[in-house]
C-alpha cells in the first residue's frame, strides 16, 4: 500500500513482505514480516535538504499495534544506500534515520528504509505508521508528518498474482484477469468508475477496451471484529486507443486517419491552435460555443469526394451554425463564413433552398472595373421575381416578342399577377404599347396608327412559378427564418 501527502516535502511509499502482513497465531511460532519505506523527491528541479526522518508505530497487543513490547527489540532496521544514511531504533517502536556527512540532499535519486524481523501481534487490524521528516527546500527546516497504513490480515490469509493474460490489446479487445487468494473475503474489481463483485471467482474477463486501463482488485477481510483492506493493480495498454478528454488543446497539427467525431459534449471544449487533417471521414459538431477550430483540412477521396458532409436529423436546429463573437472587424474583412474556390468560374456556395439574411441587404459582389473592384449589390424585392430583357423591331407598326421556352416555363402570368413589360424605343416613332401578353410572349404596337419599323428595348418583370410549369406562383416566407 502506498501513500503520499503534500504536507511533507518528500513522497513516501510503503510495501510489506509478505504481500499481506499476517497476525501471529495464538499458539506456536509468531508470524514475521518486513516493512519497506521508499522515499523520493516529487520535484525534478528543487532538491530537498533532509536533517532527519523518523518512523514510528504503536506497540502493544491491540488492533492498531504492530508488535508487542517484548518483540519490538528484535526488529532490524537498515537504510539504503547504507553508506549515505543510517537508521536505528531510538525508542520502543521509534526508528530515527539521519544522513551520513553531506548526503542529506535528496534530488532525483531516492532512498529506502527496511524494518525486518517484525513479530506481528495476534490482533487483526490496521496499524498507523507515522513518518515525520525534518527537511528544507527553499527556506529553513520544517517538521511535518504523514501517516501510512499497514493492514494486518488473519493468520494464513493471502492474495497475490493479480495479472492480465495480455499486457496490450487491440482497440476493442478484451483481457482476462486472474489472481490467487484465500476464501471468505470480498473481492471487487474497479476500473473506469465501474465495479464488479468477483468474490466467487478467481478469473474475470473485461468488456471491450478502447483506451489504456488500470484495473484494481480490492480485497476486504473481516476477523476478530476488525475489517482490513488490500488493493492490487494491473495496467493494460490499448493499441491505437480512443481519446476521451474534457478539454483538448492541440498546439501544432493533428492528423486523423479514421473516422473522427468532435462533439456533442456540452461540458467539454476543443481548441486546435494548429491544423486538423482528416484522412478519412470527418464528422464535426455541434461544438460548444467555448470551443473553436483554428483550421480544418479534409483530404477527401473516392467516387464522390465531399470534404465535409454534415447531416442533422433534428427538426429544431440548424445543420451547422457559425458564430463570431469578436468585435467588428475593419472594413474589407470577412467576419462570418469565407469560401475560397480554385477560380472565379467555380461554384463557391450551393443550396437547394433559400438563402436568408437578417442584415437588411441583398448579396454584394466585387465587380472588376478599370479603376479597380467595386462593391455592387442586387435589387431588393417583396416578391420572388424573374427579370428578362431583349430587343425587338416593328414591322409595319407591330412586333411579336416570343419568350424562350425555358423562360416561359418558370415565369408566372395570370390575372391576379400578370407580368410587366417596360419598353424603350431606340428609333423615332409615335410611341409604343404592349397590346397582348400571354405565357409565350407579348405583342408591341406603335401608337397613333404608326406603321414604322422602329427598334426598341424591352425589360420584363414577372413573378416566379412555385416550380417549373406549376400553376402556382412562388411566395416568400411570411417571417424571416431564425437560427
Protein backbone atom coordinates (compact mmCIF):
# COMPACT_ATOMS: atom_id res chain seq x y z
CA UNK A 1 0.00 0.00 0.00
CA UNK A 2 1.36 3.44 -0.89
CA UNK A 3 0.51 6.88 0.34
CA UNK A 4 1.86 10.40 -0.05
CA UNK A 5 0.93 13.84 1.21
CA UNK A 6 1.52 17.46 0.25
CA UNK A 7 2.21 18.11 3.95
CA UNK A 8 5.71 16.68 3.52
CA UNK A 9 8.38 17.80 1.09
CA UNK A 10 9.17 14.20 0.15
CA UNK A 11 6.93 11.38 -1.01
CA UNK A 12 6.73 8.10 0.92
CA UNK A 13 5.54 4.69 -0.31
CA UNK A 14 5.30 1.55 1.82
CA UNK A 15 5.32 -2.14 0.89
CA UNK A 16 5.23 -5.24 3.07
CA UNK A 17 6.66 -8.71 2.89
CA UNK A 18 4.86 -10.99 2.59
CA UNK A 19 2.40 -9.00 0.43
CA UNK A 20 -0.03 -9.12 3.35
CA UNK A 21 1.20 -8.94 6.91
CA UNK A 22 -0.38 -11.82 8.83
CA UNK A 23 -1.08 -11.79 12.55
CA UNK A 24 0.62 -14.40 14.70
CA UNK A 25 -1.37 -17.50 15.69
CA UNK A 26 -2.49 -17.96 19.31
CA UNK A 27 -0.08 -20.88 19.66
CA UNK A 28 3.21 -21.74 18.05
CA UNK A 29 5.74 -19.58 16.31
CA UNK A 30 4.87 -15.94 15.54
CA UNK A 31 4.36 -14.57 12.03
CA UNK A 32 7.23 -12.39 10.90
CA UNK A 33 7.02 -9.56 8.38
CA UNK A 34 9.03 -6.83 6.74
CA UNK A 35 8.09 -3.19 6.09
CA UNK A 36 9.92 -1.16 3.43
CA UNK A 37 9.52 2.61 3.08
CA UNK A 38 10.70 4.19 -0.20
CA UNK A 39 11.49 7.92 -0.10
CA UNK A 40 11.52 10.12 -3.22
CA UNK A 41 11.56 13.78 -4.21
CA UNK A 42 8.45 14.74 -6.24
CA UNK A 43 10.25 17.75 -7.73
CA UNK A 44 12.68 17.28 -10.60
CA UNK A 45 14.18 20.74 -10.14
CA UNK A 46 14.18 21.55 -6.41
CA UNK A 47 16.44 19.47 -4.13
CA UNK A 48 15.30 18.79 -0.56
CA UNK A 49 17.78 19.04 2.30
CA UNK A 50 16.85 16.45 4.95
CA UNK A 51 18.07 16.59 8.55
CA UNK A 52 16.09 13.61 9.89
CA UNK A 53 13.35 11.11 9.06
CA UNK A 54 11.59 9.28 11.90
CA UNK A 55 9.35 6.21 11.62
CA UNK A 56 7.07 5.18 14.47
CA UNK A 57 4.38 2.53 15.02
CA UNK A 58 2.26 1.76 18.12
CA UNK A 59 3.46 -1.14 20.23
CA UNK A 60 1.14 -3.49 22.10
CA UNK A 61 -1.45 -6.30 21.69
CA UNK A 62 -4.25 -4.23 20.07
CA UNK A 63 -5.61 -3.98 16.52
CA UNK A 64 -3.74 -0.74 15.83
CA UNK A 65 -0.44 -2.02 17.31
CA UNK A 66 2.26 -3.56 15.14
CA UNK A 67 4.06 -5.82 17.57
CA UNK A 68 4.28 -6.47 21.28
CA UNK A 69 6.66 -4.73 23.64
CA UNK A 70 8.93 -7.74 24.18
CA UNK A 71 9.22 -8.42 20.44
CA UNK A 72 9.92 -4.85 19.35
CA UNK A 73 13.51 -5.16 20.46
CA UNK A 74 14.11 -7.80 17.78
CA UNK A 75 13.21 -5.55 14.83
CA UNK A 76 16.15 -4.94 12.49
CA UNK A 77 16.43 -1.56 10.74
CA UNK A 78 18.58 -0.86 7.67
CA UNK A 79 18.96 2.05 5.24
CA UNK A 80 19.77 2.07 1.52
CA UNK A 81 22.22 3.26 0.41
CA UNK A 82 23.90 2.32 3.70
CA UNK A 83 26.95 4.48 3.04
CA UNK A 84 24.82 7.63 2.91
CA UNK A 85 22.17 7.02 5.59
CA UNK A 86 21.93 5.31 8.95
CA UNK A 87 18.87 4.28 10.95
CA UNK A 88 18.43 2.94 14.48
CA UNK A 89 15.63 2.26 16.98
CA UNK A 90 15.79 5.20 19.37
CA UNK A 91 12.71 4.24 21.44
CA UNK A 92 10.17 1.40 21.53
CA UNK A 93 8.70 1.35 18.02
CA UNK A 94 10.54 4.56 17.01
CA UNK A 95 13.24 4.44 14.32
CA UNK A 96 15.30 7.54 13.55
CA UNK A 97 17.23 7.95 10.26
CA UNK A 98 19.90 10.58 9.66
CA UNK A 99 22.20 11.29 6.70
CA UNK A 100 25.89 10.48 6.82
CA UNK A 101 28.09 13.57 6.34
CA UNK A 102 26.86 15.61 3.33
CA UNK A 103 24.37 13.07 1.94
CA UNK A 104 21.21 14.73 3.22
CA UNK A 105 20.29 16.28 -0.14
CA UNK A 106 17.53 14.34 -1.96
CA UNK A 107 17.28 15.02 -5.71
CA UNK A 108 16.26 12.53 -8.37
CA UNK A 109 17.75 9.58 -6.52
CA UNK A 110 15.75 8.49 -3.50
CA UNK A 111 16.43 6.14 -0.61
CA UNK A 112 14.72 3.34 1.30
CA UNK A 113 14.37 2.11 4.86
CA UNK A 114 13.71 -1.52 5.76
CA UNK A 115 12.27 -2.82 9.03
CA UNK A 116 12.57 -6.61 9.18
CA UNK A 117 12.13 -9.46 11.66
CA UNK A 118 8.85 -7.93 12.85
CA UNK A 119 6.89 -10.39 15.00
CA UNK A 120 3.34 -9.25 14.18
CA UNK A 121 0.96 -9.36 17.16
CA UNK A 122 -2.16 -11.57 17.24
CA UNK A 123 -4.88 -8.95 16.62
CA UNK A 124 -6.27 -8.27 13.12
CA UNK A 125 -6.44 -4.56 12.30
CA UNK A 126 -4.71 -1.60 10.67
CA UNK A 127 -1.52 -0.07 12.04
CA UNK A 128 -0.87 3.67 11.59
CA UNK A 129 2.80 4.09 10.64
CA UNK A 130 3.80 7.72 11.20
CA UNK A 131 6.56 9.25 9.10
CA UNK A 132 7.92 12.55 10.40
CA UNK A 133 10.51 14.44 8.39
CA UNK A 134 12.64 17.45 9.25
CA UNK A 135 13.68 18.99 5.96
CA UNK A 136 14.00 22.19 3.94
CA UNK A 137 13.72 23.09 0.28
CA UNK A 138 13.92 26.84 -0.26
CA UNK A 139 13.61 28.02 3.36
CA UNK A 140 14.53 26.89 6.85
CA UNK A 141 13.97 23.35 8.20
CA UNK A 142 10.32 22.37 8.66
CA UNK A 143 8.98 19.39 10.61
CA UNK A 144 5.96 17.66 9.02
CA UNK A 145 4.40 14.23 9.15
CA UNK A 146 2.11 11.82 7.29
CA UNK A 147 0.55 8.50 8.24
CA UNK A 148 0.89 5.30 6.20
CA UNK A 149 -1.50 2.44 6.98
CA UNK A 150 -0.41 -1.19 7.37
CA UNK A 151 -3.24 -3.76 7.32
CA UNK A 152 -2.71 -6.96 9.38
CA UNK A 153 -4.65 -9.87 7.91
CA UNK A 154 -5.79 -13.08 9.63
CA UNK A 155 -3.18 -15.78 10.09
CA UNK A 156 -2.78 -17.79 6.86
CA UNK A 157 -4.59 -15.23 4.68
CA UNK A 158 -3.08 -14.50 1.28
CA UNK A 159 -3.87 -12.74 -2.02
CA UNK A 160 -1.34 -12.50 -4.85
CA UNK A 161 -0.50 -12.89 -8.53
CA UNK A 162 -3.03 -10.32 -9.82
CA UNK A 163 -2.14 -10.43 -13.53
CA UNK A 164 -3.58 -9.92 -17.02
CA UNK A 165 -3.28 -12.53 -19.74
CA UNK A 166 -2.00 -9.83 -22.12
CA UNK A 167 -0.26 -6.55 -21.27
CA UNK A 168 -1.50 -4.96 -24.52
CA UNK A 169 -4.64 -5.50 -26.61
CA UNK A 170 -6.10 -4.07 -29.80
CA UNK A 171 -8.75 -1.36 -29.63
CA UNK A 172 -12.00 -3.14 -28.78
CA UNK A 173 -10.20 -6.20 -27.43
CA UNK A 174 -10.75 -7.79 -24.02
CA UNK A 175 -8.37 -9.03 -21.32
CA UNK A 176 -8.72 -11.78 -18.74
CA UNK A 177 -7.52 -11.03 -15.22
CA UNK A 178 -6.61 -13.74 -12.73
CA UNK A 179 -5.41 -13.87 -9.13
CA UNK A 180 -4.94 -16.22 -6.18
CA UNK A 181 -6.45 -15.57 -2.78
CA UNK A 182 -7.98 -17.01 0.36
CA UNK A 183 -11.68 -17.78 0.61
CA UNK A 184 -14.00 -15.93 2.94
CA UNK A 185 -13.05 -12.43 1.75
CA UNK A 186 -14.77 -9.92 -0.54
CA UNK A 187 -13.05 -9.34 -3.88
CA UNK A 188 -14.02 -6.36 -6.08
CA UNK A 189 -12.73 -5.28 -9.49
CA UNK A 190 -12.66 -1.50 -10.09
CA UNK A 191 -11.90 0.25 -13.40
CA UNK A 192 -13.05 3.42 -15.19
CA UNK A 193 -15.60 4.19 -12.48
CA UNK A 194 -17.14 0.70 -12.69
CA UNK A 195 -17.15 -2.05 -10.05
CA UNK A 196 -17.80 -5.77 -10.21
CA UNK A 197 -18.02 -8.24 -7.30
CA UNK A 198 -15.74 -11.18 -8.09
CA UNK A 199 -15.68 -12.85 -4.66
CA UNK A 200 -16.74 -16.25 -6.03
CA UNK A 201 -14.25 -16.44 -8.91
CA UNK A 202 -10.53 -16.07 -9.45
CA UNK A 203 -10.64 -15.04 -13.13
CA UNK A 204 -12.58 -12.22 -14.81
CA UNK A 205 -12.87 -11.02 -18.43
CA UNK A 206 -13.14 -7.32 -19.11
CA UNK A 207 -15.53 -5.60 -21.51
CA UNK A 208 -14.04 -4.29 -24.78
CA UNK A 209 -11.27 -1.78 -24.04
CA UNK A 210 -10.77 1.39 -26.09
CA UNK A 211 -8.08 3.12 -24.01
CA UNK A 212 -5.31 2.26 -21.55
CA UNK A 213 -6.97 0.94 -18.40
CA UNK A 214 -5.78 0.30 -14.86
CA UNK A 215 -7.68 -2.43 -13.02
CA UNK A 216 -7.78 -2.54 -9.23
CA UNK A 217 -8.52 -5.63 -7.17
CA UNK A 218 -9.77 -4.60 -3.73
CA UNK A 219 -9.76 -7.38 -1.11
CA UNK A 220 -11.62 -6.97 2.19
CA UNK A 221 -11.33 -9.45 5.04
CA UNK A 222 -13.12 -9.47 8.41
CA UNK A 223 -11.91 -11.19 11.56
CA UNK A 224 -11.94 -10.59 15.32
CA UNK A 225 -14.41 -7.74 14.79
CA UNK A 226 -11.97 -5.85 12.55
CA UNK A 227 -12.02 -5.14 8.79
CA UNK A 228 -8.83 -4.89 6.74
CA UNK A 229 -8.41 -4.00 3.05
CA UNK A 230 -5.74 -4.64 0.43
CA UNK A 231 -5.63 -3.21 -3.10
CA UNK A 232 -3.66 -4.67 -6.03
CA UNK A 233 -3.46 -3.18 -9.52
CA UNK A 234 -2.52 -4.05 -13.09
CA UNK A 235 -2.48 -1.81 -16.18
CA UNK A 236 -3.36 -2.91 -19.71
CA UNK A 237 -2.45 -0.71 -22.68
CA UNK A 238 -4.56 -0.46 -25.85
CA UNK A 239 -3.07 -0.18 -29.32
CA UNK A 240 -4.42 2.88 -31.19
CA UNK A 241 -6.62 3.89 -28.25
CA UNK A 242 -9.72 6.06 -28.44
CA UNK A 243 -9.33 9.51 -26.96
CA UNK A 244 -11.68 10.89 -24.28
CA UNK A 245 -10.90 14.31 -22.85
CA UNK A 246 -12.75 17.05 -21.02
CA UNK A 247 -10.62 19.77 -22.63
CA UNK A 248 -8.33 19.12 -25.60
CA UNK A 249 -5.70 21.56 -26.83
CA UNK A 250 -3.60 20.79 -29.91
CA UNK A 251 -0.80 23.33 -30.32
CA UNK A 252 0.60 22.05 -33.61
CA UNK A 253 -1.07 19.89 -36.29
CA UNK A 254 -3.33 16.89 -35.69
CA UNK A 255 -3.84 14.14 -38.27
CA UNK A 256 -6.88 11.86 -38.09
CA UNK A 257 -6.62 8.76 -40.27
CA UNK A 258 -10.02 7.24 -39.46
CA UNK A 259 -13.49 8.45 -38.63
CA UNK A 260 -13.39 11.46 -36.31
CA UNK A 261 -16.19 12.97 -34.25
CA UNK A 262 -15.98 16.31 -32.43
CA UNK A 263 -18.90 16.87 -30.01
CA UNK A 264 -21.57 16.97 -28.90
CA UNK A 265 -20.01 17.33 -25.42
CA UNK A 266 -21.77 20.08 -23.52
CA UNK A 267 -19.21 20.34 -20.72
CA UNK A 268 -16.08 20.00 -22.82
CA UNK A 269 -14.21 22.14 -25.31
CA UNK A 270 -11.71 21.55 -28.08
CA UNK A 271 -9.16 24.08 -29.25
CA UNK A 272 -6.82 23.49 -32.19
CA UNK A 273 -4.10 26.11 -32.44
CA UNK A 274 -2.54 24.33 -35.38
CA UNK A 275 -4.40 22.38 -38.06
CA UNK A 276 -6.58 19.28 -38.19
CA UNK A 277 -6.11 16.95 -41.13
CA UNK A 278 -8.66 14.14 -41.51
CA UNK A 279 -7.64 11.44 -43.97
CA UNK A 280 -10.89 9.54 -43.51
CA UNK A 281 -14.46 10.58 -42.77
CA UNK A 282 -14.65 13.63 -40.51
CA UNK A 283 -17.85 14.38 -38.62
CA UNK A 284 -17.84 17.68 -36.76
CA UNK A 285 -20.43 19.23 -34.49
CA UNK A 286 -22.13 20.66 -32.84
CA UNK A 287 -19.13 22.00 -30.86
CA UNK A 288 -19.78 24.05 -27.71
CA UNK A 289 -19.64 27.79 -28.04
CA UNK A 290 -16.44 27.88 -25.93
CA UNK A 291 -14.54 25.76 -28.49
CA UNK A 292 -13.03 26.86 -31.77
CA UNK A 293 -11.34 25.26 -34.76
CA UNK A 294 -8.29 27.20 -35.92
CA UNK A 295 -8.09 25.32 -39.20
CA UNK A 296 -9.80 22.27 -40.71
CA UNK A 297 -8.31 20.49 -43.69
CA UNK A 298 -10.00 17.39 -45.06
CA UNK A 299 -8.38 15.36 -47.81
CA UNK A 300 -11.39 13.71 -49.43
CA UNK A 301 -11.18 10.79 -51.83
CA UNK A 302 -13.45 8.31 -53.53
CA UNK A 303 -16.03 8.45 -56.35
CA UNK A 304 -17.95 11.32 -54.69
CA UNK A 305 -15.36 13.16 -52.61
CA UNK A 306 -17.10 15.54 -50.24
CA UNK A 307 -14.59 17.18 -47.93
CA UNK A 308 -17.15 17.86 -45.20
CA UNK A 309 -20.56 16.21 -45.04
CA UNK A 310 -22.72 17.37 -42.12
CA UNK A 311 -26.07 15.66 -41.54
CA UNK A 312 -28.62 16.76 -38.95
CA UNK A 313 -31.85 14.81 -38.38
CA UNK A 314 -33.19 17.40 -35.94
CA UNK A 315 -36.29 19.38 -36.89
CA UNK A 316 -35.47 22.18 -34.46
CA UNK A 317 -31.81 23.03 -35.05
CA UNK A 318 -29.55 24.11 -37.89
CA UNK A 319 -27.28 21.55 -39.52
CA UNK A 320 -24.30 23.84 -38.99
CA UNK A 321 -24.04 27.10 -37.10
CA UNK A 322 -21.12 29.53 -37.02
CA UNK A 323 -20.89 32.45 -34.62
CA UNK A 324 -18.18 35.09 -34.36
CA UNK A 325 -18.32 36.88 -31.01
CA UNK A 326 -15.24 39.05 -31.64
CA UNK A 327 -15.63 42.85 -32.02
CA UNK A 328 -16.49 44.12 -35.54
CA UNK A 329 -13.60 43.72 -37.94
CA UNK A 330 -12.16 46.53 -40.03
CA UNK A 331 -13.69 47.29 -43.42
CA UNK A 332 -12.98 44.74 -46.10
CA UNK A 333 -12.54 41.74 -43.79
CA UNK A 334 -14.95 38.81 -43.66
CA UNK A 335 -16.16 38.18 -40.10
CA UNK A 336 -18.53 35.33 -40.95
CA UNK A 337 -18.07 32.45 -43.39
CA UNK A 338 -15.47 32.58 -46.12
CA UNK A 339 -15.30 30.11 -49.02
CA UNK A 340 -12.33 30.11 -51.40
CA UNK A 341 -12.52 28.05 -54.62
CA UNK A 342 -9.95 27.42 -57.32
CA UNK A 343 -11.18 30.02 -59.86
CA UNK A 344 -13.76 32.76 -60.38
CA UNK A 345 -15.85 30.42 -62.55
CA UNK A 346 -16.05 27.70 -59.85
CA UNK A 347 -19.16 27.42 -57.66
CA UNK A 348 -18.39 28.66 -54.14
CA UNK A 349 -21.76 28.19 -52.45
CA UNK A 350 -24.73 25.97 -53.33
CA UNK A 351 -28.06 25.18 -51.72
CA UNK A 352 -31.33 23.60 -52.80
CA UNK A 353 -33.27 26.00 -50.56
CA UNK A 354 -33.47 29.68 -49.76
CA UNK A 355 -30.64 31.91 -48.57
CA UNK A 356 -31.80 34.15 -45.72
CA UNK A 357 -30.14 37.27 -44.33
CA UNK A 358 -31.05 39.40 -41.33
CA UNK A 359 -28.72 42.18 -42.46
CA UNK A 360 -31.40 44.13 -44.38
CA UNK A 361 -29.50 43.95 -47.68
CA UNK A 362 -29.08 41.63 -50.61
CA UNK A 363 -25.86 39.93 -51.60
CA UNK A 364 -22.88 42.07 -52.50
CA UNK A 365 -20.17 41.26 -55.03
CA UNK A 366 -16.82 42.63 -56.12
CA UNK A 367 -17.09 43.90 -59.72
CA UNK A 368 -13.76 44.45 -61.50
CA UNK A 369 -13.59 47.84 -63.26
CA UNK A 370 -10.90 49.87 -65.00
CA UNK A 371 -10.44 51.81 -61.77
CA UNK A 372 -10.41 48.68 -59.59
CA UNK A 373 -13.01 46.40 -58.00
CA UNK A 374 -16.27 47.92 -56.79
CA UNK A 375 -18.84 46.51 -54.42
CA UNK A 376 -22.20 46.00 -56.15
CA UNK A 377 -25.49 44.54 -54.97
CA UNK A 378 -28.69 43.11 -56.39
CA UNK A 379 -32.06 44.87 -56.01
CA UNK A 380 -34.44 44.01 -53.17
CA UNK A 381 -37.95 42.78 -53.97
CA UNK A 382 -41.03 41.97 -51.90
CA UNK A 383 -41.85 39.03 -54.20
CA UNK A 384 -39.87 36.26 -55.88
CA UNK A 385 -39.29 37.73 -59.34
CA UNK A 386 -37.66 36.85 -62.65
CA UNK A 387 -36.21 39.55 -64.91
CA UNK A 388 -35.89 39.13 -68.69
CA UNK A 389 -34.70 41.60 -71.32
CA UNK A 390 -34.12 41.87 -75.03
CA UNK A 391 -34.54 43.93 -78.23
CA UNK A 392 -37.19 43.99 -80.96
CA UNK A 393 -38.18 45.75 -84.18
CA UNK A 394 -41.53 46.81 -85.54
CA UNK A 395 -42.71 45.66 -88.91
CA UNK A 396 -45.45 47.83 -90.33
CA UNK A 397 -46.02 49.22 -86.81
CA UNK A 398 -46.24 45.93 -84.92
CA UNK A 399 -43.92 43.28 -83.43
CA UNK A 400 -44.37 39.96 -81.63
CA UNK A 401 -41.77 39.02 -79.00
CA UNK A 402 -41.59 35.31 -78.27
CA UNK A 403 -40.16 34.25 -74.90
CA UNK A 404 -37.61 31.47 -74.74
CA UNK A 405 -39.30 28.15 -73.85
CA UNK A 406 -37.18 27.87 -70.67
CA UNK A 407 -38.36 31.31 -69.54
CA UNK A 408 -41.98 30.58 -70.38
CA UNK A 409 -41.88 27.54 -68.07
CA UNK A 410 -40.72 29.43 -64.99
CA UNK A 411 -42.47 32.82 -65.12
CA UNK A 412 -45.97 33.18 -63.72
CA UNK A 413 -48.64 35.05 -65.71
CA UNK A 414 -52.24 35.36 -64.57
CA UNK A 415 -55.00 37.85 -64.00
CA UNK A 416 -54.03 38.34 -60.32
CA UNK A 417 -50.33 38.79 -61.09
CA UNK A 418 -49.54 39.49 -64.73
CA UNK A 419 -46.01 40.16 -65.77
CA UNK A 420 -44.92 43.70 -66.64
CA UNK A 421 -43.08 44.86 -69.76
CA UNK A 422 -41.14 48.13 -69.92
CA UNK A 423 -40.46 49.44 -73.47
CA UNK A 424 -37.78 51.91 -74.62
CA UNK A 425 -37.86 52.99 -78.31
CA UNK A 426 -34.40 53.27 -79.86
CA UNK A 427 -35.66 54.96 -83.08
CA UNK A 428 -38.16 57.74 -83.65
CA UNK A 429 -41.79 56.57 -83.57
CA UNK A 430 -45.19 57.66 -82.25
CA UNK A 431 -44.72 55.71 -79.05
CA UNK A 432 -45.15 52.04 -78.14
CA UNK A 433 -47.63 49.92 -76.19
CA UNK A 434 -47.96 46.28 -75.20
CA UNK A 435 -51.30 45.12 -76.60
CA UNK A 436 -51.09 41.40 -75.80
CA UNK A 437 -49.41 39.35 -73.07
CA UNK A 438 -49.50 35.59 -72.55
CA UNK A 439 -47.21 32.87 -71.27
CA UNK A 440 -45.40 32.52 -74.62
CA UNK A 441 -44.71 36.19 -75.32
CA UNK A 442 -46.22 39.60 -75.97
CA UNK A 443 -47.19 41.96 -78.82
CA UNK A 444 -45.93 45.54 -79.25
CA UNK A 445 -47.75 48.12 -81.44
CA UNK A 446 -46.94 51.70 -82.43
CA UNK A 447 -49.31 54.35 -81.10
CA UNK A 448 -51.45 56.71 -83.18
CA UNK A 449 -51.69 54.21 -86.04
CA UNK A 450 -47.99 54.41 -86.76
CA UNK A 451 -46.59 51.93 -89.26
CA UNK A 452 -42.85 52.41 -88.76
CA UNK A 453 -40.04 49.89 -88.47
CA UNK A 454 -38.68 51.39 -85.25
CA UNK A 455 -36.43 49.32 -82.95
CA UNK A 456 -36.90 49.06 -79.18
CA UNK A 457 -35.52 47.57 -75.98
CA UNK A 458 -37.76 45.67 -73.60
CA UNK A 459 -37.44 44.66 -69.91
CA UNK A 460 -39.85 42.10 -68.41
CA UNK A 461 -40.52 41.64 -64.67
CA UNK A 462 -42.51 38.52 -63.75
CA UNK A 463 -43.45 36.53 -60.67
CA UNK A 464 -41.67 33.18 -60.47
CA UNK A 465 -43.62 29.94 -60.57
CA UNK A 466 -43.50 27.70 -57.48
CA UNK A 467 -41.79 25.10 -59.67
CA UNK A 468 -41.40 24.67 -63.45
CA UNK A 469 -44.81 24.50 -65.14
CA UNK A 470 -46.57 24.81 -61.74
CA UNK A 471 -49.90 26.71 -61.83
CA UNK A 472 -48.99 28.46 -58.54
CA UNK A 473 -46.69 31.43 -58.11
CA UNK A 474 -43.85 31.36 -55.61
CA UNK A 475 -44.21 33.27 -52.34
CA UNK A 476 -41.63 34.45 -49.81
CA UNK A 477 -41.85 33.15 -46.21
CA UNK A 478 -44.21 35.17 -44.03
CA UNK A 479 -41.47 35.59 -41.40
CA UNK A 480 -37.70 35.85 -41.65
CA UNK A 481 -36.12 32.44 -40.76
CA UNK A 482 -34.47 32.41 -37.35
CA UNK A 483 -31.46 30.42 -36.07
